[in-house]
N, C-alpha and C. Protein backbone atom coordinates (compact mmCIF):
# COMPACT_ATOMS: atom_id res chain seq x y z
N MET A 1 2.89 69.09 -22.13
CA MET A 1 2.48 68.28 -21.00
C MET A 1 1.58 69.10 -20.08
N ASN A 2 0.35 68.69 -19.86
CA ASN A 2 -0.56 69.36 -18.96
C ASN A 2 -0.61 68.59 -17.65
N VAL A 3 0.04 69.14 -16.62
CA VAL A 3 0.18 68.43 -15.36
C VAL A 3 -1.10 68.47 -14.53
N ASN A 4 -2.10 69.26 -14.94
CA ASN A 4 -3.30 69.44 -14.14
C ASN A 4 -4.34 68.35 -14.35
N ASP A 5 -4.21 67.54 -15.40
CA ASP A 5 -5.25 66.57 -15.72
C ASP A 5 -4.61 65.25 -16.15
N ILE A 6 -3.85 64.64 -15.23
CA ILE A 6 -3.15 63.40 -15.54
C ILE A 6 -3.29 62.42 -14.38
N THR A 7 -3.05 61.14 -14.64
CA THR A 7 -3.11 60.10 -13.62
C THR A 7 -1.90 60.18 -12.70
N ASP A 8 -1.94 59.39 -11.63
CA ASP A 8 -0.80 59.36 -10.70
C ASP A 8 0.47 58.91 -11.40
N ALA A 9 0.34 57.90 -12.28
CA ALA A 9 1.52 57.43 -13.01
C ALA A 9 2.03 58.51 -13.95
N ASP A 10 1.12 59.20 -14.60
CA ASP A 10 1.52 60.30 -15.48
C ASP A 10 2.21 61.40 -14.68
N ARG A 11 1.69 61.70 -13.51
CA ARG A 11 2.29 62.74 -12.67
C ARG A 11 3.70 62.33 -12.24
N ALA A 12 3.87 61.06 -11.87
CA ALA A 12 5.19 60.58 -11.48
C ALA A 12 6.16 60.65 -12.66
N ARG A 13 5.64 60.33 -13.86
CA ARG A 13 6.47 60.41 -15.07
C ARG A 13 6.83 61.87 -15.38
N PHE A 14 5.87 62.76 -15.20
CA PHE A 14 6.11 64.19 -15.39
C PHE A 14 7.20 64.67 -14.43
N ASN A 15 7.09 64.29 -13.16
CA ASN A 15 8.10 64.69 -12.18
C ASN A 15 9.48 64.12 -12.52
N MET A 16 9.50 62.88 -13.03
CA MET A 16 10.77 62.28 -13.46
C MET A 16 11.41 63.13 -14.55
N VAL A 17 10.61 63.57 -15.51
CA VAL A 17 11.13 64.40 -16.59
C VAL A 17 11.64 65.73 -16.06
N GLU A 18 10.84 66.39 -15.23
CA GLU A 18 11.16 67.75 -14.81
C GLU A 18 12.21 67.81 -13.70
N GLN A 19 12.29 66.78 -12.85
CA GLN A 19 13.18 66.83 -11.71
C GLN A 19 14.48 66.04 -11.91
N GLN A 20 14.45 65.06 -12.82
CA GLN A 20 15.65 64.25 -13.05
C GLN A 20 16.26 64.51 -14.43
N ILE A 21 15.43 64.44 -15.46
CA ILE A 21 15.95 64.36 -16.82
C ILE A 21 16.27 65.74 -17.39
N ARG A 22 15.34 66.67 -17.30
CA ARG A 22 15.61 68.01 -17.83
C ARG A 22 16.80 68.67 -17.11
N PRO A 23 16.91 68.56 -15.77
CA PRO A 23 18.08 69.15 -15.10
C PRO A 23 19.40 68.49 -15.48
N TRP A 24 19.35 67.29 -16.07
CA TRP A 24 20.58 66.62 -16.50
C TRP A 24 20.95 67.03 -17.92
N ASN A 25 20.45 68.18 -18.31
CA ASN A 25 20.79 68.81 -19.59
C ASN A 25 20.25 68.04 -20.79
N VAL A 26 19.11 67.38 -20.61
CA VAL A 26 18.39 66.83 -21.75
C VAL A 26 17.38 67.89 -22.18
N GLN A 27 17.60 68.50 -23.33
CA GLN A 27 16.83 69.66 -23.74
C GLN A 27 15.95 69.42 -24.97
N ASP A 28 16.17 68.32 -25.68
CA ASP A 28 15.39 68.03 -26.89
C ASP A 28 13.95 67.71 -26.49
N GLU A 29 13.03 68.56 -26.89
CA GLU A 29 11.64 68.39 -26.49
C GLU A 29 11.04 67.10 -27.03
N ARG A 30 11.51 66.63 -28.18
CA ARG A 30 11.02 65.35 -28.71
C ARG A 30 11.38 64.21 -27.77
N VAL A 31 12.59 64.24 -27.24
CA VAL A 31 13.03 63.21 -26.30
C VAL A 31 12.23 63.30 -25.00
N LEU A 32 12.07 64.50 -24.48
CA LEU A 32 11.33 64.68 -23.24
C LEU A 32 9.88 64.22 -23.40
N GLN A 33 9.29 64.51 -24.53
CA GLN A 33 7.92 64.08 -24.78
C GLN A 33 7.83 62.57 -24.90
N ALA A 34 8.83 61.95 -25.54
CA ALA A 34 8.86 60.49 -25.67
C ALA A 34 8.94 59.83 -24.30
N VAL A 35 9.76 60.40 -23.40
CA VAL A 35 9.88 59.85 -22.05
C VAL A 35 8.54 59.99 -21.31
N PHE A 36 7.90 61.13 -21.47
CA PHE A 36 6.61 61.33 -20.80
C PHE A 36 5.54 60.40 -21.35
N ASP A 37 5.55 60.18 -22.65
CA ASP A 37 4.50 59.37 -23.28
C ASP A 37 4.68 57.87 -23.08
N MET A 38 5.93 57.41 -22.94
CA MET A 38 6.18 55.97 -22.86
C MET A 38 6.05 55.49 -21.41
N PRO A 39 5.16 54.56 -21.11
CA PRO A 39 4.92 54.11 -19.74
C PRO A 39 6.06 53.22 -19.22
N ARG A 40 7.03 53.83 -18.60
CA ARG A 40 8.23 53.11 -18.15
C ARG A 40 7.87 51.97 -17.19
N GLU A 41 6.81 52.16 -16.41
CA GLU A 41 6.43 51.15 -15.44
C GLU A 41 6.09 49.81 -16.09
N ARG A 42 5.73 49.81 -17.37
CA ARG A 42 5.41 48.55 -18.06
C ARG A 42 6.65 47.75 -18.43
N PHE A 43 7.81 48.36 -18.30
CA PHE A 43 9.06 47.69 -18.69
C PHE A 43 9.88 47.24 -17.48
N VAL A 44 9.41 47.55 -16.30
CA VAL A 44 10.12 47.22 -15.06
C VAL A 44 9.61 45.89 -14.53
N PRO A 45 10.48 45.01 -14.01
CA PRO A 45 9.98 43.78 -13.40
C PRO A 45 8.89 44.09 -12.37
N PRO A 46 7.84 43.28 -12.32
CA PRO A 46 6.67 43.60 -11.49
C PRO A 46 6.99 43.96 -10.05
N HIS A 47 7.95 43.26 -9.43
CA HIS A 47 8.23 43.52 -8.01
C HIS A 47 8.97 44.83 -7.80
N LEU A 48 9.38 45.50 -8.88
CA LEU A 48 10.11 46.76 -8.76
C LEU A 48 9.34 47.95 -9.33
N ARG A 49 8.08 47.75 -9.65
CA ARG A 49 7.33 48.82 -10.32
C ARG A 49 7.18 50.08 -9.47
N ALA A 50 7.24 49.93 -8.15
CA ALA A 50 7.18 51.12 -7.30
C ALA A 50 8.40 52.02 -7.51
N LEU A 51 9.47 51.46 -8.09
CA LEU A 51 10.70 52.21 -8.33
C LEU A 51 10.86 52.60 -9.79
N ALA A 52 9.81 52.46 -10.57
CA ALA A 52 9.92 52.67 -12.02
C ALA A 52 10.43 54.06 -12.37
N PHE A 53 10.12 55.06 -11.55
CA PHE A 53 10.49 56.44 -11.87
C PHE A 53 11.63 56.96 -11.00
N ALA A 54 12.26 56.06 -10.25
CA ALA A 54 13.36 56.46 -9.36
C ALA A 54 14.63 56.72 -10.15
N ASP A 55 15.46 57.59 -9.62
CA ASP A 55 16.73 57.96 -10.26
C ASP A 55 17.80 56.94 -9.89
N THR A 56 17.62 55.72 -10.41
CA THR A 56 18.55 54.64 -10.09
C THR A 56 18.46 53.56 -11.15
N GLU A 57 19.49 52.72 -11.23
CA GLU A 57 19.42 51.53 -12.07
C GLU A 57 18.59 50.47 -11.35
N LEU A 58 17.91 49.64 -12.15
CA LEU A 58 17.07 48.59 -11.58
C LEU A 58 17.51 47.24 -12.11
N PRO A 59 17.70 46.24 -11.21
CA PRO A 59 18.11 44.91 -11.66
C PRO A 59 16.99 44.23 -12.43
N LEU A 60 17.37 43.57 -13.52
CA LEU A 60 16.39 42.86 -14.34
C LEU A 60 16.32 41.41 -13.85
N VAL A 61 15.51 41.20 -12.84
CA VAL A 61 15.23 39.88 -12.29
C VAL A 61 13.91 39.43 -12.90
N ILE A 62 13.96 38.39 -13.74
CA ILE A 62 12.80 37.95 -14.50
C ILE A 62 12.34 36.59 -13.99
N ASP A 63 11.11 36.55 -13.47
CA ASP A 63 10.54 35.30 -12.93
C ASP A 63 11.50 34.66 -11.93
N GLY A 64 12.08 35.48 -11.08
CA GLY A 64 12.96 34.99 -10.04
C GLY A 64 14.39 34.72 -10.47
N VAL A 65 14.69 34.90 -11.75
CA VAL A 65 16.04 34.65 -12.27
C VAL A 65 16.76 35.98 -12.47
N ASP A 66 17.92 36.13 -11.82
CA ASP A 66 18.72 37.34 -11.97
C ASP A 66 19.51 37.24 -13.28
N THR A 67 19.17 38.09 -14.23
CA THR A 67 19.86 38.07 -15.52
C THR A 67 21.23 38.75 -15.46
N ARG A 68 21.52 39.39 -14.32
CA ARG A 68 22.78 40.15 -14.12
C ARG A 68 22.84 41.39 -15.01
N GLU A 69 21.69 41.78 -15.54
CA GLU A 69 21.60 43.02 -16.31
C GLU A 69 20.70 44.01 -15.58
N THR A 70 20.78 45.27 -15.96
CA THR A 70 20.01 46.30 -15.29
C THR A 70 19.36 47.23 -16.31
N MET A 71 18.28 47.89 -15.87
CA MET A 71 17.76 49.05 -16.58
C MET A 71 18.61 50.24 -16.16
N LEU A 72 19.08 51.02 -17.11
CA LEU A 72 19.81 52.23 -16.77
C LEU A 72 18.87 53.23 -16.10
N SER A 73 19.42 54.20 -15.42
CA SER A 73 18.59 55.23 -14.80
C SER A 73 17.86 56.02 -15.89
N PRO A 74 16.70 56.57 -15.59
CA PRO A 74 15.93 57.29 -16.61
C PRO A 74 16.71 58.42 -17.27
N LYS A 75 17.49 59.16 -16.52
CA LYS A 75 18.20 60.30 -17.11
C LYS A 75 19.27 59.85 -18.08
N VAL A 76 19.93 58.72 -17.81
CA VAL A 76 20.94 58.21 -18.73
C VAL A 76 20.27 57.69 -20.00
N GLU A 77 19.15 56.99 -19.86
CA GLU A 77 18.42 56.50 -21.04
C GLU A 77 18.00 57.67 -21.94
N ALA A 78 17.49 58.73 -21.32
CA ALA A 78 17.06 59.89 -22.09
C ALA A 78 18.24 60.58 -22.76
N LYS A 79 19.35 60.70 -22.04
CA LYS A 79 20.52 61.39 -22.59
C LYS A 79 21.11 60.61 -23.75
N LEU A 80 21.17 59.29 -23.66
CA LEU A 80 21.67 58.49 -24.77
C LEU A 80 20.79 58.66 -26.00
N ALA A 81 19.47 58.69 -25.78
CA ALA A 81 18.55 58.90 -26.91
C ALA A 81 18.79 60.26 -27.55
N GLU A 82 18.96 61.29 -26.73
CA GLU A 82 19.18 62.63 -27.26
C GLU A 82 20.47 62.71 -28.06
N GLU A 83 21.54 62.07 -27.57
CA GLU A 83 22.84 62.20 -28.21
C GLU A 83 22.90 61.49 -29.56
N LEU A 84 21.93 60.62 -29.87
CA LEU A 84 21.89 60.00 -31.19
C LEU A 84 21.43 60.98 -32.27
N ARG A 85 20.79 62.08 -31.88
CA ARG A 85 20.32 63.09 -32.83
C ARG A 85 19.44 62.48 -33.92
N LEU A 86 18.44 61.75 -33.49
CA LEU A 86 17.62 61.00 -34.43
C LEU A 86 16.68 61.88 -35.23
N GLN A 87 16.44 61.44 -36.47
CA GLN A 87 15.46 62.05 -37.35
C GLN A 87 14.31 61.05 -37.57
N PRO A 88 13.12 61.54 -37.90
CA PRO A 88 11.96 60.64 -38.04
C PRO A 88 12.15 59.54 -39.08
N THR A 89 13.02 59.73 -40.05
CA THR A 89 13.21 58.73 -41.11
C THR A 89 14.36 57.76 -40.81
N ASP A 90 15.01 57.90 -39.66
CA ASP A 90 16.19 57.09 -39.36
C ASP A 90 15.83 55.64 -39.05
N CYS A 91 16.75 54.74 -39.43
CA CYS A 91 16.72 53.34 -39.02
C CYS A 91 17.86 53.13 -38.02
N VAL A 92 17.55 52.51 -36.89
CA VAL A 92 18.47 52.45 -35.76
C VAL A 92 18.76 51.00 -35.40
N LEU A 93 20.03 50.73 -35.08
CA LEU A 93 20.44 49.45 -34.51
C LEU A 93 20.76 49.67 -33.04
N GLU A 94 20.11 48.91 -32.18
CA GLU A 94 20.41 48.93 -30.75
C GLU A 94 21.03 47.61 -30.36
N ILE A 95 22.15 47.67 -29.65
CA ILE A 95 22.84 46.46 -29.21
C ILE A 95 22.69 46.38 -27.69
N GLY A 96 21.92 45.38 -27.25
CA GLY A 96 21.60 45.23 -25.84
C GLY A 96 20.19 45.73 -25.57
N THR A 97 19.19 44.85 -25.73
CA THR A 97 17.79 45.25 -25.61
C THR A 97 17.37 45.47 -24.17
N GLY A 98 17.85 44.61 -23.25
CA GLY A 98 17.43 44.70 -21.86
C GLY A 98 15.93 44.56 -21.72
N SER A 99 15.32 45.52 -21.03
CA SER A 99 13.88 45.48 -20.79
C SER A 99 13.07 45.86 -22.01
N GLY A 100 13.71 46.48 -23.00
CA GLY A 100 13.01 47.00 -24.16
C GLY A 100 12.64 48.47 -24.05
N TYR A 101 12.86 49.08 -22.88
CA TYR A 101 12.44 50.47 -22.69
C TYR A 101 13.23 51.44 -23.55
N GLN A 102 14.55 51.25 -23.63
CA GLN A 102 15.35 52.16 -24.45
C GLN A 102 14.92 52.09 -25.91
N ALA A 103 14.68 50.87 -26.40
CA ALA A 103 14.20 50.71 -27.78
C ALA A 103 12.85 51.39 -27.96
N ALA A 104 11.99 51.30 -26.95
CA ALA A 104 10.68 51.95 -27.04
C ALA A 104 10.83 53.46 -27.14
N LEU A 105 11.75 54.03 -26.37
CA LEU A 105 12.01 55.47 -26.47
C LEU A 105 12.48 55.83 -27.87
N LEU A 106 13.45 55.07 -28.37
CA LEU A 106 14.00 55.35 -29.70
C LEU A 106 12.91 55.25 -30.76
N SER A 107 11.98 54.32 -30.57
CA SER A 107 10.93 54.10 -31.57
C SER A 107 10.05 55.34 -31.75
N ARG A 108 9.98 56.19 -30.73
CA ARG A 108 9.19 57.42 -30.83
C ARG A 108 9.92 58.51 -31.61
N LEU A 109 11.20 58.28 -31.87
CA LEU A 109 12.04 59.32 -32.46
C LEU A 109 12.53 58.99 -33.87
N CYS A 110 12.24 57.77 -34.33
CA CYS A 110 12.79 57.33 -35.62
C CYS A 110 11.76 56.45 -36.34
N GLN A 111 12.16 55.95 -37.50
CA GLN A 111 11.24 55.12 -38.29
C GLN A 111 11.23 53.67 -37.84
N GLN A 112 12.43 53.10 -37.58
CA GLN A 112 12.52 51.67 -37.27
C GLN A 112 13.71 51.42 -36.36
N VAL A 113 13.51 50.54 -35.38
CA VAL A 113 14.59 50.10 -34.49
C VAL A 113 14.75 48.59 -34.64
N THR A 114 15.99 48.16 -34.85
CA THR A 114 16.34 46.75 -34.77
C THR A 114 17.18 46.58 -33.51
N SER A 115 16.71 45.77 -32.59
CA SER A 115 17.37 45.63 -31.30
C SER A 115 17.82 44.19 -31.09
N ILE A 116 19.06 44.03 -30.67
CA ILE A 116 19.68 42.70 -30.53
C ILE A 116 19.98 42.44 -29.06
N GLU A 117 19.56 41.29 -28.56
CA GLU A 117 19.80 40.91 -27.17
C GLU A 117 20.43 39.52 -27.11
N LEU A 118 21.51 39.41 -26.36
CA LEU A 118 22.21 38.12 -26.24
C LEU A 118 21.43 37.11 -25.39
N GLU A 119 20.76 37.59 -24.35
CA GLU A 119 20.08 36.73 -23.38
C GLU A 119 18.63 36.50 -23.83
N SER A 120 18.30 35.25 -24.14
CA SER A 120 16.96 34.96 -24.68
C SER A 120 15.85 35.27 -23.68
N ARG A 121 16.12 35.10 -22.39
CA ARG A 121 15.10 35.41 -21.38
C ARG A 121 14.75 36.89 -21.40
N LEU A 122 15.77 37.72 -21.54
CA LEU A 122 15.54 39.16 -21.62
C LEU A 122 14.83 39.54 -22.91
N SER A 123 15.20 38.90 -24.00
CA SER A 123 14.55 39.20 -25.28
C SER A 123 13.05 38.92 -25.20
N ALA A 124 12.67 37.81 -24.58
CA ALA A 124 11.25 37.48 -24.43
C ALA A 124 10.55 38.48 -23.51
N PHE A 125 11.23 38.89 -22.45
CA PHE A 125 10.68 39.90 -21.53
C PHE A 125 10.45 41.22 -22.27
N ALA A 126 11.44 41.64 -23.05
CA ALA A 126 11.32 42.88 -23.81
C ALA A 126 10.20 42.80 -24.83
N GLN A 127 10.10 41.65 -25.50
CA GLN A 127 9.04 41.48 -26.51
C GLN A 127 7.67 41.64 -25.89
N ALA A 128 7.48 41.05 -24.73
CA ALA A 128 6.19 41.18 -24.05
C ALA A 128 5.93 42.62 -23.63
N ASN A 129 6.95 43.31 -23.14
CA ASN A 129 6.80 44.70 -22.71
C ASN A 129 6.45 45.61 -23.89
N LEU A 130 7.11 45.40 -25.02
CA LEU A 130 6.85 46.22 -26.20
C LEU A 130 5.44 45.98 -26.73
N ALA A 131 5.02 44.71 -26.74
CA ALA A 131 3.67 44.39 -27.20
C ALA A 131 2.63 45.02 -26.29
N ARG A 132 2.86 44.94 -24.97
CA ARG A 132 1.93 45.52 -24.00
C ARG A 132 1.81 47.04 -24.19
N SER A 133 2.90 47.65 -24.63
CA SER A 133 2.93 49.10 -24.84
C SER A 133 2.59 49.49 -26.27
N GLN A 134 2.22 48.52 -27.09
CA GLN A 134 1.78 48.74 -28.48
C GLN A 134 2.85 49.46 -29.30
N VAL A 135 4.09 49.02 -29.11
CA VAL A 135 5.21 49.54 -29.91
C VAL A 135 5.38 48.62 -31.11
N ALA A 136 5.14 49.14 -32.31
CA ALA A 136 5.11 48.30 -33.50
C ALA A 136 6.33 48.42 -34.39
N ASN A 137 7.18 49.40 -34.15
CA ASN A 137 8.32 49.62 -35.06
C ASN A 137 9.66 49.25 -34.43
N VAL A 138 9.64 48.25 -33.56
CA VAL A 138 10.87 47.67 -33.00
C VAL A 138 10.91 46.20 -33.36
N ALA A 139 11.97 45.77 -34.03
CA ALA A 139 12.18 44.36 -34.36
C ALA A 139 13.25 43.80 -33.44
N LEU A 140 12.92 42.76 -32.69
CA LEU A 140 13.87 42.15 -31.76
C LEU A 140 14.49 40.90 -32.37
N GLU A 141 15.80 40.76 -32.16
CA GLU A 141 16.51 39.56 -32.57
C GLU A 141 17.42 39.14 -31.44
N THR A 142 17.71 37.85 -31.39
CA THR A 142 18.54 37.30 -30.31
C THR A 142 19.88 36.86 -30.87
N GLY A 143 20.95 37.30 -30.24
CA GLY A 143 22.29 36.93 -30.69
C GLY A 143 23.34 37.84 -30.11
N ASP A 144 24.58 37.59 -30.49
CA ASP A 144 25.74 38.36 -30.01
C ASP A 144 26.13 39.37 -31.08
N ALA A 145 25.85 40.64 -30.82
CA ALA A 145 26.11 41.70 -31.80
C ALA A 145 27.23 42.63 -31.38
N HIS A 146 28.05 42.20 -30.42
CA HIS A 146 29.05 43.14 -29.88
C HIS A 146 30.06 43.57 -30.94
N ALA A 147 30.25 42.76 -31.98
CA ALA A 147 31.22 43.10 -33.04
C ALA A 147 30.52 43.30 -34.38
N GLY A 148 29.21 43.56 -34.35
CA GLY A 148 28.48 43.81 -35.58
C GLY A 148 27.29 42.88 -35.72
N TRP A 149 26.38 43.25 -36.63
CA TRP A 149 25.17 42.44 -36.84
C TRP A 149 24.78 42.53 -38.30
N GLY A 150 25.01 41.46 -39.03
CA GLY A 150 24.65 41.44 -40.43
C GLY A 150 25.50 42.40 -41.25
N THR A 151 24.97 42.83 -42.37
CA THR A 151 25.70 43.71 -43.28
C THR A 151 24.98 45.02 -43.56
N ALA A 152 23.80 45.21 -43.00
CA ALA A 152 23.04 46.43 -43.26
C ALA A 152 23.74 47.64 -42.64
N GLU A 153 23.52 48.80 -43.26
CA GLU A 153 23.98 50.06 -42.68
C GLU A 153 22.80 50.74 -41.99
N TYR A 154 23.12 51.52 -40.94
CA TYR A 154 22.09 52.18 -40.14
C TYR A 154 22.40 53.66 -40.01
N ASP A 155 21.35 54.43 -39.82
CA ASP A 155 21.51 55.87 -39.60
C ASP A 155 22.04 56.16 -38.20
N ALA A 156 21.77 55.25 -37.28
CA ALA A 156 22.24 55.43 -35.91
C ALA A 156 22.40 54.07 -35.25
N ILE A 157 23.37 53.98 -34.36
CA ILE A 157 23.63 52.75 -33.59
C ILE A 157 23.81 53.15 -32.13
N LEU A 158 23.16 52.43 -31.24
CA LEU A 158 23.33 52.64 -29.80
C LEU A 158 23.79 51.35 -29.16
N ILE A 159 24.90 51.42 -28.43
CA ILE A 159 25.39 50.29 -27.64
C ILE A 159 25.03 50.58 -26.19
N THR A 160 24.17 49.77 -25.59
CA THR A 160 23.61 50.10 -24.28
C THR A 160 24.47 49.64 -23.11
N GLY A 161 25.48 48.79 -23.37
CA GLY A 161 26.44 48.42 -22.34
C GLY A 161 27.78 49.02 -22.68
N SER A 162 28.66 49.10 -21.70
CA SER A 162 29.98 49.68 -21.96
C SER A 162 30.86 48.69 -22.71
N VAL A 163 31.79 49.24 -23.48
CA VAL A 163 32.74 48.44 -24.24
C VAL A 163 34.15 48.99 -24.00
N PRO A 164 35.16 48.13 -23.97
CA PRO A 164 36.53 48.63 -23.79
C PRO A 164 37.02 49.42 -25.00
N SER A 165 36.47 49.10 -26.17
CA SER A 165 36.80 49.80 -27.41
C SER A 165 35.66 49.55 -28.38
N VAL A 166 35.59 50.37 -29.42
CA VAL A 166 34.50 50.24 -30.39
C VAL A 166 34.98 49.41 -31.58
N PRO A 167 34.35 48.27 -31.84
CA PRO A 167 34.77 47.43 -32.96
C PRO A 167 34.65 48.16 -34.30
N ASP A 168 35.66 48.01 -35.14
CA ASP A 168 35.61 48.60 -36.47
C ASP A 168 34.40 48.11 -37.26
N ALA A 169 34.06 46.84 -37.09
CA ALA A 169 32.93 46.28 -37.84
C ALA A 169 31.64 47.04 -37.55
N LEU A 170 31.45 47.47 -36.31
CA LEU A 170 30.26 48.23 -35.96
C LEU A 170 30.31 49.63 -36.55
N LYS A 171 31.47 50.25 -36.52
CA LYS A 171 31.59 51.59 -37.08
C LYS A 171 31.23 51.59 -38.56
N TYR A 172 31.63 50.53 -39.26
CA TYR A 172 31.35 50.48 -40.70
C TYR A 172 29.91 50.05 -41.00
N GLN A 173 29.12 49.79 -39.96
CA GLN A 173 27.69 49.59 -40.19
C GLN A 173 26.91 50.90 -40.12
N LEU A 174 27.59 52.01 -39.86
CA LEU A 174 26.97 53.31 -39.96
C LEU A 174 26.89 53.74 -41.42
N ALA A 175 25.78 54.26 -41.84
CA ALA A 175 25.71 54.94 -43.12
C ALA A 175 26.53 56.23 -43.04
N VAL A 176 26.96 56.75 -44.16
CA VAL A 176 27.65 58.03 -44.15
C VAL A 176 26.71 59.09 -43.58
N GLY A 177 27.20 59.82 -42.61
CA GLY A 177 26.36 60.75 -41.88
C GLY A 177 25.73 60.15 -40.63
N GLY A 178 25.85 58.83 -40.47
CA GLY A 178 25.26 58.15 -39.32
C GLY A 178 26.03 58.39 -38.04
N ARG A 179 25.34 58.22 -36.92
CA ARG A 179 25.93 58.45 -35.60
C ARG A 179 25.83 57.19 -34.74
N MET A 180 26.90 56.90 -34.02
CA MET A 180 26.89 55.84 -33.02
C MET A 180 27.16 56.45 -31.65
N VAL A 181 26.38 56.06 -30.66
CA VAL A 181 26.65 56.44 -29.28
C VAL A 181 27.07 55.20 -28.52
N ALA A 182 28.23 55.27 -27.87
CA ALA A 182 28.78 54.13 -27.15
C ALA A 182 29.41 54.62 -25.86
N ILE A 183 29.38 53.76 -24.84
CA ILE A 183 30.04 54.05 -23.56
C ILE A 183 31.35 53.28 -23.57
N VAL A 184 32.46 53.99 -23.58
CA VAL A 184 33.76 53.38 -23.84
C VAL A 184 34.66 53.54 -22.62
N GLY A 185 35.33 52.44 -22.24
CA GLY A 185 36.32 52.52 -21.17
C GLY A 185 36.17 51.40 -20.18
N HIS A 186 36.82 51.60 -19.03
CA HIS A 186 36.86 50.59 -17.98
C HIS A 186 36.44 51.24 -16.65
N SER A 187 35.97 50.42 -15.72
CA SER A 187 35.62 50.90 -14.39
C SER A 187 36.85 51.57 -13.75
N PRO A 188 36.68 52.67 -13.01
CA PRO A 188 35.41 53.23 -12.53
C PRO A 188 34.82 54.33 -13.41
N ILE A 189 35.56 54.82 -14.40
CA ILE A 189 35.06 55.93 -15.21
C ILE A 189 35.08 55.55 -16.68
N MET A 190 33.97 55.75 -17.32
CA MET A 190 33.83 55.50 -18.75
C MET A 190 33.32 56.78 -19.42
N THR A 191 33.53 56.89 -20.72
CA THR A 191 33.14 58.09 -21.44
C THR A 191 32.12 57.74 -22.51
N VAL A 192 31.04 58.49 -22.53
CA VAL A 192 30.05 58.35 -23.59
C VAL A 192 30.55 59.13 -24.80
N CYS A 193 30.64 58.44 -25.93
CA CYS A 193 31.17 59.02 -27.16
C CYS A 193 30.12 58.96 -28.26
N ARG A 194 30.15 59.96 -29.13
CA ARG A 194 29.35 59.90 -30.35
C ARG A 194 30.29 59.87 -31.54
N ILE A 195 30.20 58.79 -32.31
CA ILE A 195 31.05 58.59 -33.49
C ILE A 195 30.20 58.85 -34.72
N THR A 196 30.65 59.75 -35.57
CA THR A 196 29.93 60.09 -36.79
C THR A 196 30.74 59.65 -38.00
N ARG A 197 30.10 58.91 -38.89
CA ARG A 197 30.78 58.52 -40.13
C ARG A 197 30.68 59.67 -41.13
N THR A 198 31.80 60.32 -41.39
CA THR A 198 31.79 61.51 -42.23
C THR A 198 32.01 61.21 -43.70
N SER A 199 32.57 60.05 -44.00
CA SER A 199 32.75 59.62 -45.39
C SER A 199 32.93 58.11 -45.37
N ALA A 200 33.21 57.53 -46.53
CA ALA A 200 33.32 56.07 -46.60
C ALA A 200 34.36 55.52 -45.63
N ALA A 201 35.44 56.25 -45.41
CA ALA A 201 36.54 55.72 -44.61
C ALA A 201 36.91 56.60 -43.42
N ASN A 202 36.11 57.63 -43.12
CA ASN A 202 36.49 58.56 -42.06
C ASN A 202 35.39 58.70 -41.01
N PHE A 203 35.83 58.87 -39.77
CA PHE A 203 34.92 58.99 -38.63
C PHE A 203 35.40 60.12 -37.72
N ASP A 204 34.47 60.86 -37.18
CA ASP A 204 34.74 61.87 -36.16
C ASP A 204 34.19 61.39 -34.83
N THR A 205 34.90 61.67 -33.75
CA THR A 205 34.46 61.26 -32.42
C THR A 205 34.32 62.47 -31.51
N ALA A 206 33.16 62.58 -30.87
CA ALA A 206 32.92 63.62 -29.86
C ALA A 206 32.81 62.93 -28.50
N TYR A 207 33.51 63.47 -27.51
CA TYR A 207 33.49 62.92 -26.16
C TYR A 207 32.47 63.73 -25.36
N LEU A 208 31.43 63.07 -24.86
CA LEU A 208 30.25 63.78 -24.38
C LEU A 208 30.21 63.93 -22.86
N PHE A 209 30.28 62.84 -22.12
CA PHE A 209 30.26 62.93 -20.66
C PHE A 209 30.75 61.61 -20.08
N ASP A 210 31.13 61.65 -18.81
CA ASP A 210 31.61 60.46 -18.11
C ASP A 210 30.48 59.82 -17.32
N THR A 211 30.52 58.50 -17.24
CA THR A 211 29.52 57.77 -16.48
C THR A 211 30.08 56.39 -16.17
N TYR A 212 29.26 55.53 -15.59
CA TYR A 212 29.62 54.12 -15.43
C TYR A 212 28.42 53.28 -15.81
N VAL A 213 28.63 52.31 -16.70
CA VAL A 213 27.59 51.38 -17.14
C VAL A 213 28.22 49.99 -17.18
N LYS A 214 27.45 48.99 -16.80
CA LYS A 214 27.96 47.62 -16.82
C LYS A 214 28.41 47.23 -18.23
N PRO A 215 29.45 46.40 -18.33
CA PRO A 215 29.95 46.00 -19.66
C PRO A 215 28.90 45.24 -20.47
N LEU A 216 28.95 45.47 -21.77
CA LEU A 216 28.13 44.70 -22.69
C LEU A 216 28.64 43.27 -22.73
N ARG A 217 27.75 42.31 -22.63
CA ARG A 217 28.19 40.91 -22.70
C ARG A 217 28.78 40.61 -24.06
N GLY A 218 29.87 39.84 -24.04
CA GLY A 218 30.53 39.46 -25.28
C GLY A 218 31.73 40.33 -25.61
N THR A 219 31.86 41.48 -24.94
CA THR A 219 32.93 42.40 -25.31
C THR A 219 34.31 41.90 -24.91
N ALA A 220 34.38 40.96 -23.99
CA ALA A 220 35.69 40.45 -23.59
C ALA A 220 36.41 39.77 -24.73
N ARG A 221 35.65 39.34 -25.75
CA ARG A 221 36.28 38.66 -26.87
C ARG A 221 36.74 39.62 -27.97
N SER A 222 36.40 40.92 -27.81
CA SER A 222 36.73 41.88 -28.85
C SER A 222 38.22 42.16 -28.88
N ARG A 223 38.81 42.16 -30.09
CA ARG A 223 40.22 42.47 -30.24
C ARG A 223 40.42 43.80 -30.97
N PHE A 224 39.33 44.51 -31.22
CA PHE A 224 39.44 45.76 -31.96
C PHE A 224 39.88 46.88 -31.02
N LYS A 225 40.46 47.93 -31.58
CA LYS A 225 40.92 49.07 -30.81
C LYS A 225 40.13 50.30 -31.20
N PHE A 226 39.95 51.18 -30.21
CA PHE A 226 39.18 52.42 -30.44
C PHE A 226 40.09 53.51 -30.98
């Protein structure tokens, strides 16, 4: 990153990386470069673009309608991307598209992202944002994926909202060696976990850090245990 010859938006993005994200122990240079390269301001509702680089969650109010969803803070988005440990050949399932920004970040780190959003208004918003940013390797679908999506296996899965427990059906959509990052628990403290499928029937769980994220829609119906 050359800070001496960049636009104001690029400079703000550079400062976001250096002052918010890197100090939050995000060290993977591929992730940091993806955050710098991806224009976050294109994914923020127009009336909030002045806050695109702020260290805060932003409400996703689309055309005057409050979707009751938010963009996570930039440092949390970057940390979730880093904890997936993505490889360039990976295929990723994202549950909870939101603005499309998290999927756009992941798209810079892997081969293909399939992102599922329950709210059709948000899915359309994300589709427009991704097209505007010329992101071609993200496929958006609309539906409830809190307990799984189809039968395909993925190298990585990211659940962008918190869940009380991780459904077994989702864990078994990981390929062997695949990683899932999920925010598990209840308010006020939740734990970000990385679940790795080590064999056909075995999984390892690493507990990474505590945070708070709004619940993923649809999780109230889940009967699975973590």
